[in-house]
Amino acid sequence: MLRDNEDALARRVLNLVVAMTREVVLAELKLQPEALLVVVREALAVLPSGTQAPDVRLHPDDLAWMREHPDVDPAWQLIADPGVGRGSCRVEMGDSLAESDLADRWSKVLASIGRADPWQDASDRAS
């Protein structure tokens, strides 16, 4: 009986930690949008170098910030794409493609602790 209660409590605590972590990530996207610039640069780094300017597809809310940031390379073709989630990017250069999806990154982190909770952003929860 005590062991069952401890297990139930541990599951509830872990659920709470996962939910709080999700909220921290969402808040970080709003408070520190510079993190997205790192994500875009990492995606660019895996593409072969070329003379063509990359198309950088971002969620429209992320794109607004990115257009204003002084460290964004003016050669990047910034494109609003509502199919790209907040905190994610899709970078195309010629025939090459690199994607960094927040939902995928979230899944990998949770898989490392044996969880499979899907990513949900605020717009997912509102519907």
N, C-alpha and C. Protein backbone atom coordinates (compact mmCIF):
# COMPACT_ATOMS: atom_id res chain seq x y z
N MET A 1 0.83 -1.20 0.00
CA MET A 1 0.00 0.00 0.00
C MET A 1 0.87 1.26 0.00
N LEU A 2 1.84 1.33 0.90
CA LEU A 2 2.72 2.49 0.96
C LEU A 2 3.53 2.63 -0.33
N ARG A 3 4.00 1.50 -0.84
CA ARG A 3 4.78 1.50 -2.09
C ARG A 3 3.93 2.02 -3.26
N ASP A 4 2.65 1.61 -3.30
CA ASP A 4 1.75 2.09 -4.35
C ASP A 4 1.56 3.60 -4.26
N ASN A 5 1.42 4.10 -3.05
CA ASN A 5 1.25 5.54 -2.85
C ASN A 5 2.52 6.29 -3.27
N GLU A 6 3.68 5.73 -2.92
CA GLU A 6 4.94 6.36 -3.30
C GLU A 6 5.10 6.39 -4.82
N ASP A 7 4.73 5.29 -5.49
CA ASP A 7 4.81 5.25 -6.95
C ASP A 7 3.87 6.26 -7.59
N ALA A 8 2.66 6.36 -7.07
CA ALA A 8 1.69 7.32 -7.59
C ALA A 8 2.17 8.74 -7.39
N LEU A 9 2.74 9.01 -6.23
CA LEU A 9 3.27 10.34 -5.95
C LEU A 9 4.44 10.66 -6.87
N ALA A 10 5.31 9.70 -7.09
CA ALA A 10 6.46 9.91 -7.98
C ALA A 10 5.99 10.22 -9.40
N ARG A 11 4.95 9.51 -9.87
CA ARG A 11 4.42 9.79 -11.21
C ARG A 11 3.84 11.20 -11.29
N ARG A 12 3.12 11.60 -10.25
CA ARG A 12 2.54 12.95 -10.23
C ARG A 12 3.62 14.02 -10.21
N VAL A 13 4.64 13.80 -9.43
CA VAL A 13 5.75 14.76 -9.36
C VAL A 13 6.44 14.86 -10.73
N LEU A 14 6.70 13.73 -11.36
CA LEU A 14 7.33 13.75 -12.68
C LEU A 14 6.44 14.44 -13.70
N ASN A 15 5.13 14.19 -13.66
CA ASN A 15 4.20 14.89 -14.56
C ASN A 15 4.26 16.40 -14.36
N LEU A 16 4.34 16.80 -13.10
CA LEU A 16 4.43 18.23 -12.78
C LEU A 16 5.73 18.82 -13.30
N VAL A 17 6.83 18.10 -13.13
CA VAL A 17 8.13 18.58 -13.61
C VAL A 17 8.12 18.73 -15.14
N VAL A 18 7.55 17.76 -15.84
CA VAL A 18 7.47 17.84 -17.30
C VAL A 18 6.63 19.04 -17.72
N ALA A 19 5.48 19.24 -17.09
CA ALA A 19 4.61 20.37 -17.42
C ALA A 19 5.31 21.70 -17.13
N MET A 20 6.01 21.77 -15.99
CA MET A 20 6.72 23.01 -15.66
C MET A 20 7.86 23.27 -16.64
N THR A 21 8.55 22.23 -17.03
CA THR A 21 9.65 22.38 -17.99
C THR A 21 9.13 22.90 -19.31
N ARG A 22 7.99 22.37 -19.76
CA ARG A 22 7.38 22.85 -21.00
C ARG A 22 7.09 24.35 -20.89
N GLU A 23 6.56 24.78 -19.76
CA GLU A 23 6.25 26.20 -19.57
C GLU A 23 7.52 27.05 -19.55
N VAL A 24 8.58 26.53 -18.96
CA VAL A 24 9.86 27.25 -18.95
C VAL A 24 10.38 27.43 -20.37
N VAL A 25 10.30 26.37 -21.17
CA VAL A 25 10.76 26.46 -22.57
C VAL A 25 9.94 27.51 -23.32
N LEU A 26 8.63 27.50 -23.15
CA LEU A 26 7.78 28.49 -23.83
C LEU A 26 8.12 29.91 -23.38
N ALA A 27 8.33 30.09 -22.08
CA ALA A 27 8.70 31.41 -21.57
C ALA A 27 10.05 31.84 -22.12
N GLU A 28 10.97 30.89 -22.21
CA GLU A 28 12.31 31.20 -22.73
C GLU A 28 12.24 31.65 -24.19
N LEU A 29 11.35 31.05 -24.97
CA LEU A 29 11.18 31.47 -26.36
C LEU A 29 10.75 32.93 -26.44
N LYS A 30 9.93 33.34 -25.49
CA LYS A 30 9.46 34.73 -25.48
C LYS A 30 10.49 35.68 -24.91
N LEU A 31 11.17 35.26 -23.84
CA LEU A 31 12.11 36.14 -23.15
C LEU A 31 13.50 36.17 -23.77
N GLN A 32 13.92 35.06 -24.35
CA GLN A 32 15.25 34.94 -24.93
C GLN A 32 15.16 34.42 -26.37
N PRO A 33 14.55 35.19 -27.27
CA PRO A 33 14.40 34.70 -28.64
C PRO A 33 15.74 34.50 -29.36
N GLU A 34 16.83 35.02 -28.78
CA GLU A 34 18.16 34.82 -29.37
C GLU A 34 18.51 33.34 -29.49
N ALA A 35 17.89 32.52 -28.66
CA ALA A 35 18.15 31.08 -28.72
C ALA A 35 17.80 30.52 -30.09
N LEU A 36 16.82 31.10 -30.74
CA LEU A 36 16.44 30.63 -32.08
C LEU A 36 17.55 30.92 -33.09
N LEU A 37 18.26 31.99 -32.91
CA LEU A 37 19.37 32.31 -33.80
C LEU A 37 20.44 31.21 -33.73
N VAL A 38 20.68 30.68 -32.55
CA VAL A 38 21.62 29.57 -32.38
C VAL A 38 21.12 28.35 -33.14
N VAL A 39 19.83 28.07 -33.04
CA VAL A 39 19.23 26.92 -33.72
C VAL A 39 19.39 27.05 -35.23
N VAL A 40 19.14 28.24 -35.76
CA VAL A 40 19.29 28.47 -37.21
C VAL A 40 20.75 28.29 -37.63
N ARG A 41 21.65 28.84 -36.85
CA ARG A 41 23.08 28.69 -37.20
C ARG A 41 23.53 27.23 -37.16
N GLU A 42 23.02 26.47 -36.21
CA GLU A 42 23.36 25.05 -36.15
C GLU A 42 22.81 24.31 -37.37
N ALA A 43 21.62 24.67 -37.81
CA ALA A 43 21.05 24.04 -39.01
C ALA A 43 21.88 24.41 -40.24
N LEU A 44 22.30 25.65 -40.33
CA LEU A 44 23.14 26.09 -41.45
C LEU A 44 24.49 25.37 -41.46
N ALA A 45 25.00 25.09 -40.28
CA ALA A 45 26.33 24.46 -40.18
C ALA A 45 26.36 23.06 -40.76
N VAL A 46 25.22 22.38 -40.81
CA VAL A 46 25.22 21.02 -41.36
C VAL A 46 25.00 20.99 -42.87
N LEU A 47 24.69 22.14 -43.44
CA LEU A 47 24.49 22.21 -44.89
C LEU A 47 25.81 22.43 -45.60
N PRO A 48 25.94 21.90 -46.81
CA PRO A 48 27.17 22.17 -47.56
C PRO A 48 27.26 23.66 -47.89
N SER A 49 28.47 24.20 -47.86
CA SER A 49 28.61 25.61 -48.17
C SER A 49 28.38 25.81 -49.66
N GLY A 50 27.86 26.96 -49.98
CA GLY A 50 27.57 27.26 -51.38
C GLY A 50 27.44 28.75 -51.57
N THR A 51 27.16 29.13 -52.77
CA THR A 51 27.04 30.55 -53.09
C THR A 51 25.60 31.03 -52.98
N GLN A 52 24.67 30.09 -52.89
CA GLN A 52 23.26 30.45 -52.82
C GLN A 52 22.89 30.87 -51.40
N ALA A 53 22.06 31.89 -51.29
CA ALA A 53 21.58 32.33 -49.98
C ALA A 53 20.57 31.31 -49.46
N PRO A 54 20.62 30.99 -48.19
CA PRO A 54 19.68 30.01 -47.65
C PRO A 54 18.29 30.61 -47.47
N ASP A 55 17.28 29.76 -47.66
CA ASP A 55 15.91 30.10 -47.29
C ASP A 55 15.73 29.61 -45.87
N VAL A 56 15.38 30.51 -44.97
CA VAL A 56 15.19 30.17 -43.56
C VAL A 56 13.71 30.33 -43.25
N ARG A 57 13.04 29.19 -43.07
CA ARG A 57 11.61 29.18 -42.79
C ARG A 57 11.40 29.11 -41.28
N LEU A 58 10.58 30.04 -40.79
CA LEU A 58 10.32 30.17 -39.36
C LEU A 58 8.84 30.39 -39.11
N HIS A 59 8.42 30.08 -37.91
CA HIS A 59 7.05 30.43 -37.51
C HIS A 59 6.90 31.95 -37.64
N PRO A 60 5.73 32.44 -38.08
CA PRO A 60 5.56 33.89 -38.25
C PRO A 60 5.90 34.72 -37.01
N ASP A 61 5.60 34.21 -35.82
CA ASP A 61 5.93 34.95 -34.59
C ASP A 61 7.44 35.03 -34.37
N ASP A 62 8.16 33.99 -34.75
CA ASP A 62 9.62 34.00 -34.63
C ASP A 62 10.25 34.88 -35.71
N LEU A 63 9.64 34.89 -36.87
CA LEU A 63 10.17 35.66 -37.99
C LEU A 63 10.19 37.16 -37.67
N ALA A 64 9.15 37.64 -37.02
CA ALA A 64 9.08 39.06 -36.68
C ALA A 64 10.29 39.48 -35.87
N TRP A 65 10.67 38.66 -34.89
CA TRP A 65 11.83 38.98 -34.07
C TRP A 65 13.11 38.87 -34.89
N MET A 66 13.20 37.82 -35.67
CA MET A 66 14.43 37.54 -36.43
C MET A 66 14.74 38.69 -37.39
N ARG A 67 13.73 39.27 -38.00
CA ARG A 67 13.95 40.38 -38.94
C ARG A 67 14.55 41.60 -38.26
N GLU A 68 14.32 41.74 -36.97
CA GLU A 68 14.80 42.90 -36.22
C GLU A 68 16.19 42.71 -35.62
N HIS A 69 16.67 41.49 -35.54
CA HIS A 69 17.91 41.22 -34.83
C HIS A 69 19.12 41.61 -35.67
N PRO A 70 20.06 42.37 -35.09
CA PRO A 70 21.22 42.83 -35.86
C PRO A 70 22.21 41.72 -36.24
N ASP A 71 22.18 40.57 -35.57
CA ASP A 71 23.13 39.49 -35.88
C ASP A 71 22.64 38.54 -36.97
N VAL A 72 21.47 38.80 -37.50
CA VAL A 72 20.94 37.95 -38.57
C VAL A 72 21.62 38.36 -39.88
N ASP A 73 22.15 37.38 -40.58
CA ASP A 73 22.83 37.62 -41.85
C ASP A 73 21.82 38.17 -42.86
N PRO A 74 22.09 39.34 -43.42
CA PRO A 74 21.13 39.92 -44.37
C PRO A 74 20.96 39.09 -45.65
N ALA A 75 21.86 38.15 -45.90
CA ALA A 75 21.74 37.30 -47.08
C ALA A 75 20.68 36.20 -46.89
N TRP A 76 20.33 35.91 -45.64
CA TRP A 76 19.33 34.88 -45.40
C TRP A 76 17.98 35.33 -45.94
N GLN A 77 17.31 34.45 -46.63
CA GLN A 77 15.95 34.73 -47.10
C GLN A 77 14.99 34.24 -46.02
N LEU A 78 14.49 35.16 -45.21
CA LEU A 78 13.61 34.81 -44.11
C LEU A 78 12.18 34.67 -44.62
N ILE A 79 11.57 33.51 -44.35
CA ILE A 79 10.25 33.20 -44.88
C ILE A 79 9.33 32.78 -43.74
N ALA A 80 8.18 33.42 -43.66
CA ALA A 80 7.17 33.02 -42.67
C ALA A 80 6.52 31.72 -43.12
N ASP A 81 6.46 30.76 -42.22
CA ASP A 81 5.85 29.47 -42.54
C ASP A 81 5.09 28.99 -41.31
N PRO A 82 3.76 29.11 -41.32
CA PRO A 82 2.99 28.68 -40.15
C PRO A 82 3.09 27.18 -39.88
N GLY A 83 3.62 26.41 -40.82
CA GLY A 83 3.82 24.98 -40.62
C GLY A 83 5.05 24.67 -39.78
N VAL A 84 5.89 25.66 -39.57
CA VAL A 84 7.07 25.51 -38.72
C VAL A 84 6.68 25.97 -37.32
N GLY A 85 6.92 25.14 -36.33
CA GLY A 85 6.54 25.48 -34.96
C GLY A 85 7.43 26.55 -34.36
N ARG A 86 6.92 27.18 -33.30
CA ARG A 86 7.73 28.17 -32.56
C ARG A 86 9.00 27.50 -32.08
N GLY A 87 10.12 28.22 -32.18
CA GLY A 87 11.39 27.69 -31.72
C GLY A 87 12.03 26.70 -32.68
N SER A 88 11.45 26.55 -33.86
CA SER A 88 11.94 25.59 -34.86
C SER A 88 12.33 26.34 -36.12
N CYS A 89 13.06 25.65 -36.99
CA CYS A 89 13.39 26.26 -38.28
C CYS A 89 13.54 25.17 -39.34
N ARG A 90 13.43 25.59 -40.56
CA ARG A 90 13.66 24.73 -41.73
C ARG A 90 14.53 25.57 -42.66
N VAL A 91 15.73 25.08 -42.92
CA VAL A 91 16.69 25.83 -43.73
C VAL A 91 16.95 25.05 -45.02
N GLU A 92 16.78 25.72 -46.14
CA GLU A 92 16.99 25.12 -47.45
C GLU A 92 18.05 25.93 -48.20
N MET A 93 18.96 25.21 -48.82
CA MET A 93 19.98 25.85 -49.64
C MET A 93 20.20 24.93 -50.84
N GLY A 94 19.73 25.38 -51.99
CA GLY A 94 19.81 24.52 -53.17
C GLY A 94 18.99 23.27 -52.94
N ASP A 95 19.61 22.11 -53.13
CA ASP A 95 18.92 20.84 -52.93
C ASP A 95 19.07 20.31 -51.51
N SER A 96 19.70 21.07 -50.64
CA SER A 96 19.96 20.62 -49.27
C SER A 96 18.93 21.19 -48.31
N LEU A 97 18.64 20.41 -47.29
CA LEU A 97 17.65 20.81 -46.29
C LEU A 97 18.14 20.42 -44.90
N ALA A 98 17.95 21.31 -43.96
CA ALA A 98 18.23 21.01 -42.55
C ALA A 98 17.06 21.55 -41.74
N GLU A 99 16.57 20.71 -40.83
CA GLU A 99 15.46 21.12 -39.98
C GLU A 99 15.86 20.95 -38.53
N SER A 100 15.38 21.85 -37.72
CA SER A 100 15.53 21.72 -36.28
C SER A 100 14.17 22.00 -35.69
N ASP A 101 13.54 20.94 -35.21
CA ASP A 101 12.17 21.04 -34.74
C ASP A 101 12.14 20.92 -33.21
N LEU A 102 11.53 21.89 -32.57
CA LEU A 102 11.46 21.89 -31.11
C LEU A 102 10.73 20.65 -30.60
N ALA A 103 9.69 20.23 -31.27
CA ALA A 103 8.96 19.03 -30.84
C ALA A 103 9.85 17.79 -30.88
N ASP A 104 10.71 17.70 -31.90
CA ASP A 104 11.65 16.57 -31.97
C ASP A 104 12.68 16.63 -30.86
N ARG A 105 13.20 17.84 -30.62
CA ARG A 105 14.19 17.99 -29.55
C ARG A 105 13.57 17.63 -28.20
N TRP A 106 12.33 18.06 -27.98
CA TRP A 106 11.60 17.76 -26.75
C TRP A 106 11.44 16.25 -26.59
N SER A 107 11.03 15.58 -27.66
CA SER A 107 10.83 14.13 -27.61
C SER A 107 12.11 13.39 -27.26
N LYS A 108 13.22 13.82 -27.82
CA LYS A 108 14.50 13.16 -27.55
C LYS A 108 14.91 13.32 -26.08
N VAL A 109 14.71 14.51 -25.55
CA VAL A 109 15.06 14.73 -24.15
C VAL A 109 14.19 13.86 -23.25
N LEU A 110 12.88 13.85 -23.50
CA LEU A 110 12.00 13.05 -22.65
C LEU A 110 12.23 11.55 -22.82
N ALA A 111 12.58 11.13 -24.02
CA ALA A 111 12.88 9.71 -24.24
C ALA A 111 14.05 9.27 -23.38
N SER A 112 14.96 10.19 -23.11
CA SER A 112 16.12 9.84 -22.30
C SER A 112 15.74 9.52 -20.85
N ILE A 113 14.56 9.95 -20.43
CA ILE A 113 14.08 9.61 -19.08
C ILE A 113 12.88 8.67 -19.14
N GLY A 114 12.70 8.04 -20.31
CA GLY A 114 11.65 7.05 -20.45
C GLY A 114 10.25 7.61 -20.62
N ARG A 115 10.15 8.85 -21.07
CA ARG A 115 8.84 9.48 -21.27
C ARG A 115 8.59 9.69 -22.75
N ALA A 116 7.31 9.78 -23.11
CA ALA A 116 6.95 10.01 -24.52
C ALA A 116 5.89 11.11 -24.63
N ASP A 117 5.93 12.09 -23.74
CA ASP A 117 4.96 13.19 -23.77
C ASP A 117 5.18 14.01 -25.04
N PRO A 118 4.13 14.26 -25.82
CA PRO A 118 4.29 15.09 -27.01
C PRO A 118 4.47 16.56 -26.64
N TRP A 119 5.15 17.27 -27.50
CA TRP A 119 5.30 18.71 -27.30
C TRP A 119 3.97 19.37 -27.58
N GLN A 120 3.60 20.33 -26.77
CA GLN A 120 2.44 21.17 -27.02
C GLN A 120 2.86 22.59 -26.72
N ASP A 121 2.57 23.49 -27.67
CA ASP A 121 2.81 24.88 -27.32
C ASP A 121 1.46 25.50 -26.91
N ALA A 122 1.49 26.76 -26.54
CA ALA A 122 0.29 27.41 -26.02
C ALA A 122 -0.86 27.36 -27.01
N SER A 123 -0.59 27.49 -28.30
CA SER A 123 -1.66 27.46 -29.30
C SER A 123 -2.27 26.07 -29.40
N ASP A 124 -1.47 25.01 -29.18
CA ASP A 124 -2.01 23.64 -29.19
C ASP A 124 -2.97 23.46 -28.01
N ARG A 125 -2.61 23.99 -26.85
CA ARG A 125 -3.42 23.79 -25.66
C ARG A 125 -4.69 24.63 -25.71
N ALA A 126 -4.66 25.76 -26.45
CA ALA A 126 -5.82 26.65 -26.50
C ALA A 126 -6.94 26.06 -27.34
N SER A 127 -6.60 25.15 -28.25
CA SER A 127 -7.63 24.61 -29.13
C SER A 127 -8.32 23.41 -28.53
